[in-house]
Protein backbone atom coordinates (compact mmCIF):
# COMPACT_ATOMS: atom_id res chain seq x y z
CA MET A 1 5.66 -43.81 35.25
CA PRO A 2 9.32 -43.84 33.88
CA SER A 3 9.73 -41.03 31.13
CA VAL A 4 10.09 -42.44 27.39
CA LEU A 5 13.18 -43.52 25.26
CA PRO A 6 14.48 -41.03 23.20
CA LEU A 7 14.06 -41.39 19.17
CA GLY A 8 17.01 -42.22 17.05
CA ASP A 9 18.14 -45.73 15.20
CA PRO A 10 17.76 -48.96 15.01
CA ALA A 11 20.22 -50.96 17.30
CA PRO A 12 21.25 -54.28 15.40
CA SER A 13 20.73 -57.14 17.63
CA ASP A 14 23.91 -58.08 18.35
CA GLY A 15 25.39 -55.00 19.27
CA LEU A 16 27.95 -54.62 17.30
CA LEU A 17 29.49 -50.55 17.20
CA PRO A 18 29.44 -48.30 13.92
CA ALA A 19 34.07 -47.86 13.52
CA GLN A 20 33.15 -44.72 14.47
CA ALA A 21 33.46 -46.25 18.37
CA ALA A 22 37.26 -47.52 18.53
CA ASP A 23 38.31 -44.58 16.74
CA GLY A 24 41.05 -42.45 19.28
CA ALA A 25 39.42 -45.39 22.25
CA ALA A 26 42.73 -46.16 23.86
CA ALA A 27 42.98 -42.24 24.92
CA ARG A 28 39.89 -42.55 27.00
CA ALA A 29 38.54 -43.30 29.94
CA PHE A 30 36.75 -46.25 30.22
CA GLY A 31 34.36 -46.66 32.87
CA LEU A 32 30.73 -48.69 34.17
CA TYR A 33 26.63 -47.93 34.77
CA VAL A 34 24.79 -50.40 36.41
CA HIS A 35 21.50 -49.75 36.45
CA ILE A 36 19.32 -51.02 39.06
CA PRO A 37 15.38 -50.53 38.21
CA PHE A 38 14.06 -51.10 41.99
CA CYS A 39 12.47 -49.18 44.56
CA ALA A 40 10.29 -49.89 47.69
CA VAL A 41 7.80 -47.00 46.32
CA ARG A 42 7.81 -44.38 44.02
CA CYS A 43 9.06 -41.09 45.04
CA GLY A 44 6.35 -38.00 44.19
CA TYR A 45 8.78 -36.61 42.13
CA CYS A 46 10.51 -38.96 40.55
CA ASP A 47 11.14 -39.37 36.52
CA PHE A 48 13.93 -42.01 36.67
CA ASN A 49 13.46 -45.36 35.25
CA THR A 50 12.73 -47.26 38.05
CA TYR A 51 9.47 -49.92 39.28
CA THR A 52 7.54 -50.68 42.70
CA ALA A 53 6.70 -54.37 43.30
CA THR A 54 3.91 -53.10 42.33
CA GLU A 55 4.73 -51.99 39.74
CA LEU A 56 6.98 -54.75 37.48
CA GLY A 57 4.59 -56.93 36.72
CA GLY A 58 5.67 -60.28 35.08
CA GLY A 59 8.30 -61.82 34.04
CA ALA A 60 11.06 -59.95 35.73
CA SER A 61 12.30 -60.36 38.91
CA GLN A 62 14.48 -58.51 41.80
CA ASP A 63 16.03 -61.85 42.80
CA ALA A 64 17.25 -62.49 38.75
CA TYR A 65 18.29 -59.43 38.82
CA ALA A 66 22.19 -59.40 39.70
CA GLY A 67 22.39 -62.82 37.03
CA THR A 68 20.24 -60.58 34.18
CA ALA A 69 22.95 -58.13 34.66
CA VAL A 70 25.59 -59.79 34.02
CA SER A 71 24.65 -61.36 31.27
CA GLU A 72 25.18 -57.93 30.11
CA VAL A 73 28.33 -57.58 30.82
CA VAL A 74 29.76 -60.68 29.08
CA LEU A 75 27.64 -59.37 26.62
CA ALA A 76 29.42 -56.17 26.33
CA ALA A 77 32.53 -57.14 26.57
CA GLN A 78 32.43 -59.18 23.56
CA VAL A 79 30.20 -56.49 21.44
CA LEU A 80 33.58 -54.45 22.13
CA GLN A 81 35.77 -56.54 21.37
CA ARG A 82 34.37 -57.38 17.53
CA SER A 83 33.82 -53.81 17.20
CA GLY A 84 37.35 -53.11 17.86
CA VAL A 85 37.26 -51.22 20.21
CA PRO A 86 40.27 -51.21 22.29
CA ALA A 87 40.65 -53.44 25.91
CA ARG A 88 40.30 -51.20 28.72
CA LYS A 89 40.51 -51.61 31.96
CA LEU A 90 37.63 -49.73 34.07
CA SER A 91 38.20 -46.14 35.38
CA THR A 92 35.13 -45.67 37.72
CA VAL A 93 32.11 -48.12 38.44
CA PHE A 94 28.73 -46.37 39.29
CA PHE A 95 25.97 -48.31 40.39
CA GLY A 96 22.87 -46.30 40.37
CA GLY A 97 18.77 -46.23 39.87
CA GLY A 98 16.07 -46.82 40.94
CA THR A 99 17.95 -48.26 45.03
CA PRO A 100 20.82 -50.49 44.10
CA THR A 101 20.70 -51.46 47.89
CA LEU A 102 17.03 -53.01 47.49
CA LEU A 103 18.89 -55.70 45.92
CA PRO A 104 21.70 -57.88 48.55
CA ALA A 105 24.84 -57.16 49.28
CA ALA A 106 26.50 -59.99 47.45
CA ASP A 107 24.13 -59.46 44.30
CA LEU A 108 25.80 -55.95 43.86
CA ALA A 109 29.31 -57.33 44.67
CA MET A 110 28.55 -60.36 42.00
CA ILE A 111 28.22 -57.73 39.54
CA LEU A 112 31.27 -55.88 40.13
CA ARG A 113 33.49 -59.22 40.12
CA ALA A 114 31.70 -59.99 36.55
CA SER A 115 32.49 -56.69 35.44
CA ILE A 116 36.02 -56.29 36.79
CA ASP A 117 36.28 -60.66 34.75
CA GLN A 118 36.18 -58.71 32.18
CA TRP A 119 37.63 -55.51 31.67
CA GLY A 120 39.88 -55.87 35.09
CA ILE A 121 40.06 -52.39 36.59
CA GLU A 122 42.21 -49.51 37.43
CA ALA A 123 44.44 -48.78 40.22
CA GLY A 124 42.26 -46.95 42.58
CA ALA A 125 39.44 -46.86 40.71
CA GLU A 126 36.43 -45.10 41.82
CA VAL A 127 33.28 -47.76 42.80
CA THR A 128 30.60 -46.24 43.97
CA THR A 129 26.33 -47.22 44.67
CA GLU A 130 23.69 -44.77 45.15
CA ALA A 131 21.98 -45.61 48.57
CA ASN A 132 18.17 -44.77 50.32
CA PRO A 133 19.79 -44.80 54.62
CA ASP A 134 16.84 -47.20 55.39
CA SER A 135 18.55 -50.10 52.56
CA VAL A 136 21.93 -51.24 54.10
CA THR A 137 23.36 -52.34 57.16
CA PRO A 138 26.26 -52.09 58.71
CA GLU A 139 26.60 -56.26 57.48
CA SER A 140 25.41 -54.98 53.77
CA LEU A 141 28.13 -52.22 54.13
CA ALA A 142 31.05 -53.99 54.87
CA ILE A 143 30.07 -56.31 51.97
CA LEU A 144 30.38 -53.71 49.83
CA LYS A 145 33.45 -52.74 51.41
CA GLU A 146 34.86 -56.40 50.50
CA ALA A 147 33.57 -56.53 46.99
CA GLY A 148 35.78 -53.29 46.68
CA PHE A 149 33.27 -50.74 46.59
CA THR A 150 35.22 -47.23 47.28
CA ARG A 151 32.00 -45.23 48.20
CA ILE A 152 28.57 -44.38 48.89
CA SER A 153 26.33 -41.94 47.92
CA PHE A 154 22.83 -41.46 50.02
CA GLY A 155 19.95 -39.26 49.07
CA MET A 156 19.12 -37.98 52.28
CA GLN A 157 17.23 -35.50 50.75
CA SER A 158 16.21 -32.94 53.63
CA ALA A 159 16.42 -32.80 57.20
CA VAL A 160 13.02 -31.92 57.47
CA PRO A 161 10.30 -33.77 58.21
CA HIS A 162 7.81 -32.22 56.31
CA VAL A 163 9.76 -31.99 53.17
CA LEU A 164 10.86 -36.13 53.39
CA LYS A 165 6.75 -36.68 53.44
CA VAL A 166 6.60 -34.11 50.73
CA LEU A 167 8.77 -36.00 48.31
CA ASP A 168 7.49 -39.09 49.44
CA ARG A 169 10.84 -40.54 51.05
CA THR A 170 10.31 -43.63 53.56
CA HIS A 171 12.82 -42.83 55.81
CA THR A 172 13.71 -40.58 58.70
CA PRO A 173 16.53 -37.55 59.22
CA SER A 174 17.96 -39.53 62.45
CA ARG A 175 18.55 -42.63 59.86
CA VAL A 176 21.41 -40.57 58.05
CA PRO A 177 24.73 -40.09 60.73
CA GLN A 178 24.16 -43.31 61.59
CA VAL A 179 24.44 -44.85 58.14
CA VAL A 180 26.93 -42.32 57.03
CA GLN A 181 28.49 -43.46 60.34
CA TRP A 182 28.41 -46.99 59.46
CA ALA A 183 29.30 -46.44 56.03
CA ARG A 184 32.69 -44.08 57.75
CA GLU A 185 34.10 -47.61 59.44
CA ALA A 186 33.43 -49.93 57.18
CA GLY A 187 35.85 -47.39 54.73
CA LEU A 188 33.84 -45.84 52.63
CA ALA A 189 34.19 -42.82 51.36
CA VAL A 190 30.17 -40.70 51.78
CA SER A 191 28.19 -38.27 49.69
CA LEU A 192 24.74 -37.08 50.77
CA ASP A 193 22.54 -35.60 47.92
CA LEU A 194 20.37 -32.86 48.81
CA ILE A 195 16.77 -31.45 46.82
CA TYR A 196 15.61 -28.05 47.78
CA GLY A 197 13.49 -25.96 46.51
CA THR A 198 10.63 -28.92 47.16
CA PRO A 199 7.39 -27.08 47.67
CA GLY A 200 6.52 -25.72 51.21
CA GLU A 201 10.47 -25.71 52.30
CA SER A 202 11.38 -22.49 53.83
CA LEU A 203 14.69 -20.91 53.54
CA ALA A 204 14.78 -22.09 57.43
CA ASP A 205 14.21 -25.12 56.50
CA TRP A 206 16.56 -25.08 53.78
CA ARG A 207 19.09 -23.47 56.04
CA TYR A 208 18.31 -26.78 58.72
CA SER A 209 18.94 -29.64 55.73
CA LEU A 210 22.02 -28.20 54.51
CA GLU A 211 23.96 -27.53 58.04
CA THR A 212 22.57 -31.61 58.91
CA ALA A 213 24.20 -32.75 56.27
CA LEU A 214 26.95 -30.06 56.64
CA SER A 215 27.74 -31.49 60.08
CA TYR A 216 27.89 -35.32 59.69
CA GLU A 217 31.16 -33.98 57.43
CA PRO A 218 30.45 -35.30 54.58
CA ASP A 219 33.59 -35.71 51.87
CA HIS A 220 30.78 -34.72 49.45
CA ILE A 221 27.47 -32.54 48.56
CA SER A 222 25.05 -32.54 45.47
CA ALA A 223 22.30 -29.71 45.98
CA TYR A 224 19.85 -29.96 43.10
CA ALA A 225 16.82 -27.75 42.52
CA LEU A 226 13.46 -30.32 41.93
CA ILE A 227 12.16 -30.07 38.98
CA VAL A 228 8.74 -31.35 38.29
CA GLU A 229 8.44 -33.93 35.53
CA ASP A 230 4.83 -34.22 34.12
CA GLY A 231 3.60 -37.22 34.29
CA THR A 232 4.70 -37.39 38.08
CA LYS A 233 2.72 -37.54 41.36
CA LEU A 234 4.44 -34.02 42.04
CA ALA A 235 3.37 -32.24 38.87
CA ALA A 236 -0.32 -33.55 39.16
CA GLN A 237 -0.92 -32.43 42.68
CA MET A 238 0.97 -29.28 41.25
CA ARG A 239 -2.34 -28.66 38.94
CA ARG A 240 -4.80 -29.45 41.17
CA GLY A 241 -3.20 -26.12 42.83
CA GLU A 242 -2.41 -29.21 46.15
CA VAL A 243 0.55 -27.71 46.61
CA PRO A 244 2.42 -24.68 45.39
CA GLY A 245 4.80 -24.26 42.13
CA ILE A 246 7.97 -23.99 41.45
CA ASP A 247 9.62 -20.78 42.84
CA ASP A 248 12.85 -19.21 40.40
CA ASP A 249 13.73 -16.66 42.91
CA ASP A 250 13.04 -19.76 45.90
CA HIS A 251 15.44 -21.34 44.00
CA ALA A 252 18.15 -19.02 43.78
CA ASP A 253 17.65 -17.88 46.84
CA LYS A 254 18.92 -21.49 48.27
CA TYR A 255 21.10 -22.09 45.99
CA GLU A 256 23.10 -19.45 46.64
CA LEU A 257 22.90 -20.28 50.52
CA ALA A 258 24.05 -23.89 49.49
CA ASP A 259 26.92 -22.58 48.10
CA GLU A 260 27.72 -20.29 50.99
CA LEU A 261 27.50 -22.26 53.98
CA ILE A 262 29.09 -25.67 52.13
CA THR A 263 32.03 -23.62 50.91
CA GLU A 264 32.58 -21.59 54.46
CA ALA A 265 32.51 -25.95 55.35
CA GLY A 266 35.32 -26.63 53.47
CA LEU A 267 34.47 -27.82 50.15
CA GLY A 268 34.76 -26.88 46.69
CA TRP A 269 32.56 -26.22 43.61
CA TYR A 270 33.26 -27.92 40.80
CA GLU A 271 30.07 -29.08 39.10
CA VAL A 272 27.19 -25.99 38.87
CA SER A 273 25.52 -29.17 41.53
CA ASN A 274 28.19 -30.84 43.14
CA TRP A 275 30.65 -29.68 45.74
CA ALA A 276 33.59 -31.93 47.40
CA ARG A 277 36.37 -32.03 49.92
CA THR A 278 38.96 -32.02 48.19
CA PRO A 279 39.68 -32.45 44.63
CA GLU A 280 40.25 -36.29 44.51
CA GLN A 281 36.33 -36.49 46.59
CA ALA A 282 34.55 -35.17 43.38
CA CYS A 283 33.06 -37.92 41.63
CA ARG A 284 35.50 -38.92 39.01
CA HIS A 285 32.45 -40.68 36.73
CA ASN A 286 30.18 -38.00 36.70
CA LEU A 287 33.07 -36.32 35.45
CA ALA A 288 33.22 -39.18 32.51
CA TYR A 289 29.87 -37.84 31.61
CA TRP A 290 30.77 -34.46 32.04
CA ARG A 291 33.89 -35.18 30.02
CA GLY A 292 32.24 -36.59 27.50
CA ASP A 293 34.55 -40.11 27.67
CA ASP A 294 33.27 -43.60 27.08
CA TRP A 295 30.50 -46.21 29.42
CA TRP A 296 28.38 -48.77 28.95
CA GLY A 297 25.58 -48.85 30.31
CA ILE A 298 24.33 -52.00 32.18
CA GLY A 299 20.40 -52.74 32.70
CA PRO A 300 16.95 -51.73 31.00
CA GLY A 301 16.70 -48.29 29.99
CA ALA A 302 20.52 -47.68 30.50
CA HIS A 303 22.31 -45.50 28.30
CA SER A 304 25.82 -45.54 27.11
CA HIS A 305 28.41 -43.58 24.78
CA VAL A 306 31.28 -44.76 23.03
CA GLY A 307 33.35 -42.68 20.97
CA GLY A 308 30.48 -39.71 19.74
CA VAL A 309 28.53 -42.96 19.31
CA ARG A 310 25.00 -43.06 22.03
CA TRP A 311 23.07 -45.83 22.42
CA TRP A 312 19.82 -47.00 24.97
CA ASN A 313 18.09 -50.25 25.91
CA VAL A 314 14.59 -51.12 26.09
CA LYS A 315 12.95 -49.90 29.72
CA HIS A 316 11.45 -52.53 30.92
CA PRO A 317 13.05 -55.32 32.99
CA ALA A 318 10.70 -58.08 31.69
CA ALA A 319 11.69 -56.69 27.68
CA TYR A 320 15.56 -56.26 29.03
CA ALA A 321 15.53 -60.36 31.08
CA ASN A 322 13.84 -61.75 27.16
CA ARG A 323 16.34 -60.00 24.89
CA LEU A 324 19.63 -61.49 26.92
CA SER A 325 18.38 -64.55 27.17
CA GLN A 326 18.08 -64.87 23.72
CA GLY A 327 21.40 -64.09 23.10
CA HIS A 328 20.32 -61.21 21.31
CA SER A 329 21.69 -57.18 22.64
CA PRO A 330 19.04 -54.90 24.96
CA ALA A 331 19.68 -52.45 22.71
CA ALA A 332 16.72 -50.55 22.00
CA GLY A 333 17.99 -47.48 19.75
CA ARG A 334 20.90 -45.10 18.40
CA GLU A 335 22.42 -42.00 17.48
CA THR A 336 25.86 -41.73 16.07
CA LEU A 337 26.99 -38.33 16.69
CA ASP A 338 28.84 -36.16 13.94
CA SER A 339 31.32 -33.27 15.22
CA ASP A 340 29.04 -30.45 15.69
CA THR A 341 26.82 -32.04 17.79
CA ARG A 342 30.08 -33.33 19.68
CA ARG A 343 31.11 -29.82 20.00
CA LEU A 344 28.14 -28.42 20.98
CA GLU A 345 27.45 -31.49 23.87
CA ARG A 346 30.75 -30.62 25.22
CA VAL A 347 30.23 -26.58 25.00
CA MET A 348 27.25 -27.19 27.50
CA LEU A 349 28.79 -29.72 29.47
CA GLU A 350 31.91 -28.23 30.21
CA ALA A 351 30.60 -24.20 31.05
CA ARG A 352 29.67 -26.43 34.38
CA LEU A 353 32.41 -26.89 35.42
CA GLN A 354 35.15 -25.45 37.77
CA SER A 355 37.83 -26.37 35.55
CA GLY A 356 35.69 -24.46 32.17
CA LEU A 357 35.56 -24.54 29.18
CA GLU A 358 38.79 -23.75 26.85
CA VAL A 359 37.40 -20.62 24.78
CA SER A 360 38.93 -21.72 21.65
CA THR A 361 36.17 -24.47 21.56
CA LEU A 362 33.69 -21.98 20.86
CA SER A 363 32.82 -20.59 17.14
CA ALA A 364 33.81 -17.31 16.56
CA LEU A 365 30.04 -15.65 17.69
CA GLY A 366 30.68 -17.99 20.83
CA ARG A 367 33.91 -15.97 21.38
CA HIS A 368 32.68 -12.82 20.44
CA GLU A 369 29.75 -13.02 23.56
CA VAL A 370 33.08 -14.15 26.43
CA ALA A 371 33.29 -9.99 26.86
CA GLY A 372 29.78 -9.39 27.08
CA LEU A 373 29.64 -12.35 29.52
CA ILE A 374 32.82 -10.72 31.64
CA ALA A 375 30.71 -7.27 32.19
CA ASP A 376 27.95 -9.00 33.18
CA GLY A 377 29.52 -10.91 36.13
CA LEU A 378 28.83 -14.43 34.71
CA VAL A 379 32.50 -15.37 33.73
CA GLU A 380 35.25 -14.84 36.21
CA PRO A 381 37.17 -12.19 33.72
CA ALA A 382 41.15 -13.77 35.53
CA ALA A 383 39.79 -17.34 33.77
CA ALA A 384 39.07 -15.86 30.16
CA PHE A 385 42.11 -13.66 29.83
CA HIS A 386 44.00 -16.99 29.94
CA GLY A 387 41.59 -18.74 27.63
CA ARG A 388 38.99 -20.45 29.95
CA LEU A 389 35.31 -19.86 30.78
CA VAL A 390 35.07 -20.68 34.25
CA LEU A 391 31.75 -19.47 35.58
CA THR A 392 30.75 -17.33 38.47
CA LEU A 393 28.61 -17.54 41.52
CA LYS A 394 26.14 -15.42 39.54
CA GLY A 395 26.41 -16.76 36.65
CA ARG A 396 26.24 -20.86 37.75
CA LEU A 397 23.17 -19.36 38.68
CA LEU A 398 22.08 -18.81 35.13
CA ALA A 399 24.55 -21.44 33.82
CA ASP A 400 21.79 -22.04 31.01
CA ALA A 401 21.58 -18.84 29.81
CA VAL A 402 25.70 -18.35 29.45
CA VAL A 403 25.77 -21.39 27.49
CA ARG A 404 22.00 -20.57 25.19
CA ARG A 405 24.59 -17.41 24.20
CA ILE A 406 27.80 -18.58 24.11
CA LEU A 407 26.23 -20.91 21.18
CA PRO A 408 24.26 -18.71 19.20
CA ASP A 409 22.32 -20.38 16.62
């Protein structure tokens, strides 16, 4: 089942934010995340807050979900206004899940339209939805484009049937080129998500998946190492010895191959696990997360952040709908980050970006580590000379270790 919510302070039923949230808000971008918590089946590796029809239980309905989400959109606009946060147009909107496209395209369009009605939207804003390849049609994609969506991210994961079977993915590989073509015909930019390191996946399998994905000429590719979380079906299979465990060396070999082939195909890395054909085609919504901008998360279990105030909604769709039906905030808890925590998170996240991290952000001890990181081939010498810490390919493979070194106790 989905992972537990973090610990934090109780959130007020009216959702009002402390004064800190408004400080400097006018200078920060504002985005919206919309969580659609439904899936046709639960993938064996999935630890997200999502529900199949059999897991959903009473008191929650996919049919009613769009209206419930719109209720939170309206509440969010009121909370920000009453908390003194200056009004800002949406710079990015991202529908994630789950499988957002399990809902009718008209429902997604309704949520987007309500959001634009509340905040407005910047010219040229990025509006993305995630989708499984077997959950869209030419007609649904045309509806999304007409509603204002600009981008779609397909969960391809692999082009190899036996790998998809281990992951419990329901689509067939032949479906992916078809939906990519439909998306392009609708006028949407296309991103493909891949996973490497699945038990039983050979290096040749991974090469085939990469080459197949690249043959579709996507605008963007994400390639993530498989992480097996406790409580998932795949974790149980590993404990029982039914599938092999995770091999860090295998992950490293596959990451290096991904970077080699994706770069040769003309896409450049901009974050450790993400490549875009041009800088403009990088996922601006995710960049806003990594750079600490503001966003409101709509939906059960969704997380939000405004000015160093972070909160998260109740997990279950039924509890979420019940809170909103009573006119209460669905927030389950929150935390107010102090300056040290915000600096630490900035270092952890910006160090993963191709644009790098300002060395001046680091403590004296952290700055002292930079020379050693250069000597170890983990950061780019020229960038460091100009005051920015930028990871080399080796550094990307060891990004967590680099962060530990520049954030000494």
